[in-house]
Amino acid sequence: MKKNSLYKGTLQNIILKLLSKEVKMYGYQMTQRAKELTEGELEMTEGALYPLLHKLEGDGMITSEIQEINGRSRKYYLLTEKGKKQQAAQEAEMRSYLFNLNTIFNI
């Protein structure tokens, strides 16, 4: 991640949310979608993204599948049921957090 260190603590939430909106995504697609949604403010690096994807997969939050696209292998990530539940819980927690920040900072 490049621009804002505040994103660092929410990267897992961001990945799970991106996956909850799509059936499946590959890593580069996630980085580009996050960048697009934040108008360039969030630039996830491979060094930040892939270790977290491996951790989420190890924790059973996501699963992956390899597909051949134009003769090249591409690894897609999908939310598991456990991941869907975790994403919903994290989103509720994030909403509460943002509400409290808004109260404090009057944003």
Protein backbone atom coordinates (compact mmCIF):
# COMPACT_ATOMS: atom_id res chain seq x y z
CA MET A 1 0.00 0.00 0.00
CA LYS A 2 1.29 3.32 -0.95
CA LYS A 3 -0.57 6.44 0.11
CA ASN A 4 -2.22 6.01 3.46
CA SER A 5 -1.04 3.87 6.35
CA LEU A 6 -4.56 3.93 7.84
CA TYR A 7 -5.62 1.47 5.13
CA LYS A 8 -3.07 -1.05 6.36
CA GLY A 9 -5.15 -2.09 9.36
CA THR A 10 -8.24 -2.57 7.22
CA LEU A 11 -6.78 -4.48 4.29
CA GLN A 12 -8.41 -7.75 5.36
CA ASN A 13 -11.78 -6.00 5.58
CA ILE A 14 -11.23 -4.48 2.15
CA ILE A 15 -10.33 -7.80 0.53
CA LEU A 16 -13.30 -9.61 2.05
CA LYS A 17 -15.63 -6.79 0.99
CA LEU A 18 -14.32 -6.81 -2.58
CA LEU A 19 -14.84 -10.58 -2.75
CA SER A 20 -18.34 -10.26 -1.29
CA LYS A 21 -19.33 -8.06 -4.24
CA GLU A 22 -17.94 -10.43 -6.90
CA VAL A 23 -18.24 -14.15 -7.45
CA LYS A 24 -14.47 -14.46 -7.73
CA MET A 25 -11.48 -12.21 -8.30
CA TYR A 26 -7.78 -12.59 -8.99
CA GLY A 27 -5.15 -10.60 -7.14
CA TYR A 28 -4.39 -7.94 -9.75
CA GLN A 29 -8.11 -7.42 -10.25
CA MET A 30 -8.50 -6.72 -6.52
CA THR A 31 -5.72 -4.15 -6.56
CA GLN A 32 -7.21 -2.37 -9.54
CA ARG A 33 -10.75 -2.41 -8.16
CA ALA A 34 -9.59 -0.96 -4.81
CA LYS A 35 -7.63 1.72 -6.63
CA GLU A 36 -10.64 2.53 -8.83
CA LEU A 37 -13.10 2.71 -5.92
CA THR A 38 -10.80 5.00 -3.92
CA GLU A 39 -9.91 7.15 -6.93
CA GLY A 40 -6.27 6.16 -6.63
CA GLU A 41 -5.92 6.63 -2.87
CA LEU A 42 -5.45 2.93 -2.10
CA GLU A 43 -2.68 1.24 -4.01
CA MET A 44 -2.23 -2.28 -2.69
CA THR A 45 1.16 -3.79 -3.39
CA GLU A 46 1.70 -7.46 -4.11
CA GLY A 47 3.80 -7.59 -0.95
CA ALA A 48 0.78 -6.58 1.12
CA LEU A 49 -1.92 -8.43 -0.83
CA TYR A 50 -0.61 -11.94 -1.43
CA PRO A 51 0.54 -12.78 2.11
CA LEU A 52 -2.90 -11.75 3.35
CA LEU A 53 -4.64 -13.82 0.66
CA HIS A 54 -2.56 -16.84 1.74
CA LYS A 55 -3.45 -16.19 5.39
CA LEU A 56 -7.17 -15.85 4.59
CA GLU A 57 -7.02 -19.08 2.61
CA GLY A 58 -5.23 -20.84 5.46
CA ASP A 59 -7.87 -19.56 7.89
CA GLY A 60 -10.66 -20.95 5.68
CA MET A 61 -12.08 -17.51 4.83
CA ILE A 62 -11.39 -17.84 1.13
CA THR A 63 -10.64 -20.58 -1.33
CA SER A 64 -8.86 -20.43 -4.65
CA GLU A 65 -9.13 -22.05 -8.03
CA ILE A 66 -6.86 -21.98 -11.05
CA GLN A 67 -8.34 -21.27 -14.46
CA GLU A 68 -6.67 -21.25 -17.85
CA ILE A 69 -7.31 -17.93 -19.63
CA ASN A 70 -5.83 -17.58 -23.12
CA GLY A 71 -3.26 -20.27 -22.35
CA ARG A 72 -2.20 -18.71 -19.04
CA SER A 73 -3.04 -19.88 -15.55
CA ARG A 74 -4.89 -17.39 -13.36
CA LYS A 75 -5.63 -17.92 -9.67
CA TYR A 76 -9.08 -16.75 -8.60
CA TYR A 77 -10.15 -16.26 -4.99
CA LEU A 78 -13.67 -16.85 -3.65
CA LEU A 79 -15.29 -16.33 -0.26
CA THR A 80 -16.21 -19.41 1.72
CA GLU A 81 -19.27 -19.49 3.99
CA LYS A 82 -16.95 -18.77 6.91
CA GLY A 83 -15.53 -15.82 4.98
CA LYS A 84 -19.00 -14.47 4.22
CA LYS A 85 -19.88 -14.54 7.91
CA GLN A 86 -16.57 -12.91 8.83
CA GLN A 87 -17.04 -10.21 6.19
CA ALA A 88 -20.51 -9.37 7.51
CA ALA A 89 -19.23 -9.19 11.10
CA GLN A 90 -16.25 -7.03 10.11
CA GLU A 91 -18.47 -4.72 8.09
CA ALA A 92 -20.78 -4.21 11.08
CA GLU A 93 -17.76 -3.48 13.27
CA MET A 94 -16.38 -1.06 10.66
CA ARG A 95 -19.71 0.78 10.44
CA SER A 96 -19.70 1.24 14.21
CA TYR A 97 -16.09 2.40 14.12
CA LEU A 98 -16.80 4.93 11.36
CA PHE A 99 -19.86 6.20 13.22
CA ASN A 100 -17.74 6.78 16.32
CA LEU A 101 -15.00 8.53 14.33
CA ASN A 102 -17.62 10.73 12.72
CA THR A 103 -18.96 11.59 16.18
CA ILE A 104 -15.50 12.47 17.46
CA PHE A 105 -14.20 14.33 14.42
CA ASN A 106 -17.56 15.65 13.18
CA ILE A 107 -16.69 14.57 9.65
